[in-house]
Amino acid sequence: MVCDKCGSNNVSIQVVNETHLKNKGRGCIYWLLIGWWLEIFLWLWLTIPRLLFLLFGGKRQKIVNKTYKVAVCQNCGYSKKIN
């Protein structure tokens, strides 16, 4: 592989892994059928237990991993994504 910037053949290819947290929410059908009245009921009648559950309950998140390849020139430091 040849560097686009300096024309060198001293290019290494690396795999980069990016991770981030994604909130797991409810779907549209849930909120249309159940969620809107259930949330109101829980806040009106179960305020203290609801607050405790939101504070200490399980987190509704999942980890999302994305990997991609990057070519890095060892001479000039130029880098670009590769498909």
Protein backbone atom coordinates (compact mmCIF):
# COMPACT_ATOMS: atom_id res chain seq x y z
CA MET A 1 0.00 0.00 0.00
CA VAL A 2 1.23 3.50 -0.84
CA CYS A 3 0.76 6.64 1.27
CA ASP A 4 -1.38 9.27 -0.46
CA LYS A 5 0.56 12.15 1.08
CA CYS A 6 4.25 11.23 0.80
CA GLY A 7 4.24 8.20 -1.54
CA SER A 8 6.01 5.90 0.94
CA ASN A 9 5.43 2.14 1.04
CA ASN A 10 5.93 2.05 4.82
CA VAL A 11 2.20 1.93 5.69
CA SER A 12 0.67 -0.19 8.44
CA ILE A 13 -2.97 -1.16 8.72
CA GLN A 14 -4.59 -1.18 12.15
CA VAL A 15 -8.01 -2.22 13.38
CA VAL A 16 -9.63 0.37 15.66
CA ASN A 17 -12.40 -0.58 18.07
CA GLU A 18 -14.74 2.17 19.31
CA THR A 19 -17.15 1.48 22.15
CA HIS A 20 -19.95 3.62 23.52
CA LEU A 21 -23.02 3.16 25.70
CA LYS A 22 -26.45 3.19 24.12
CA ASN A 23 -29.60 3.67 26.19
CA LYS A 24 -32.09 0.88 25.78
CA GLY A 25 -35.49 2.49 25.60
CA ARG A 26 -38.99 1.24 25.09
CA GLY A 27 -40.55 0.91 21.66
CA CYS A 28 -43.24 3.10 20.10
CA ILE A 29 -45.98 0.50 20.47
CA TYR A 30 -45.21 0.13 24.20
CA TRP A 31 -45.62 3.89 24.77
CA LEU A 32 -48.80 4.10 22.67
CA LEU A 33 -50.53 1.17 24.38
CA ILE A 34 -49.14 0.92 27.92
CA GLY A 35 -46.41 3.41 28.76
CA TRP A 36 -48.31 6.70 28.87
CA TRP A 37 -50.86 5.59 31.49
CA LEU A 38 -48.47 3.28 33.39
CA GLU A 39 -45.95 6.07 33.99
CA ILE A 40 -48.66 8.41 35.29
CA PHE A 41 -50.05 5.69 37.60
CA LEU A 42 -46.62 4.81 39.00
CA TRP A 43 -45.71 8.43 39.72
CA LEU A 44 -49.07 9.19 41.37
CA TRP A 45 -49.42 6.11 43.57
CA LEU A 46 -45.93 4.73 44.02
CA THR A 47 -43.72 7.84 44.14
CA ILE A 48 -41.24 6.76 46.82
CA PRO A 49 -40.72 3.16 45.58
CA ARG A 50 -40.51 4.48 42.02
CA LEU A 51 -37.80 6.98 42.97
CA LEU A 52 -35.84 4.29 44.81
CA PHE A 53 -36.07 1.97 41.82
CA LEU A 54 -34.88 4.69 39.44
CA LEU A 55 -31.95 5.52 41.72
CA PHE A 56 -30.80 2.00 42.57
CA GLY A 57 -32.39 -0.12 39.84
CA GLY A 58 -30.60 -1.68 36.95
CA LYS A 59 -29.15 0.52 34.26
CA ARG A 60 -30.86 0.24 30.90
CA GLN A 61 -27.77 0.58 28.74
CA LYS A 62 -25.87 -1.66 26.41
CA ILE A 63 -22.37 -1.43 24.97
CA VAL A 64 -22.08 -0.92 21.22
CA ASN A 65 -18.78 -1.87 19.51
CA LYS A 66 -17.78 -0.51 16.11
CA THR A 67 -14.60 -1.64 14.37
CA TYR A 68 -12.94 -0.15 11.32
CA LYS A 69 -9.52 -0.27 9.62
CA VAL A 70 -7.10 2.64 9.49
CA ALA A 71 -4.00 2.88 7.30
CA VAL A 72 -1.20 4.83 9.02
CA CYS A 73 1.96 5.95 7.24
CA GLN A 74 5.03 5.27 9.39
CA ASN A 75 7.06 8.07 7.76
CA CYS A 76 4.74 11.10 7.77
CA GLY A 77 1.96 10.01 10.16
CA TYR A 78 -0.87 10.46 7.63
CA SER A 79 -3.88 8.23 8.36
CA LYS A 80 -7.13 7.39 6.60
CA LYS A 81 -10.02 4.97 6.99
CA ILE A 82 -10.14 1.92 4.76
CA ASN A 83 -13.28 0.02 3.74
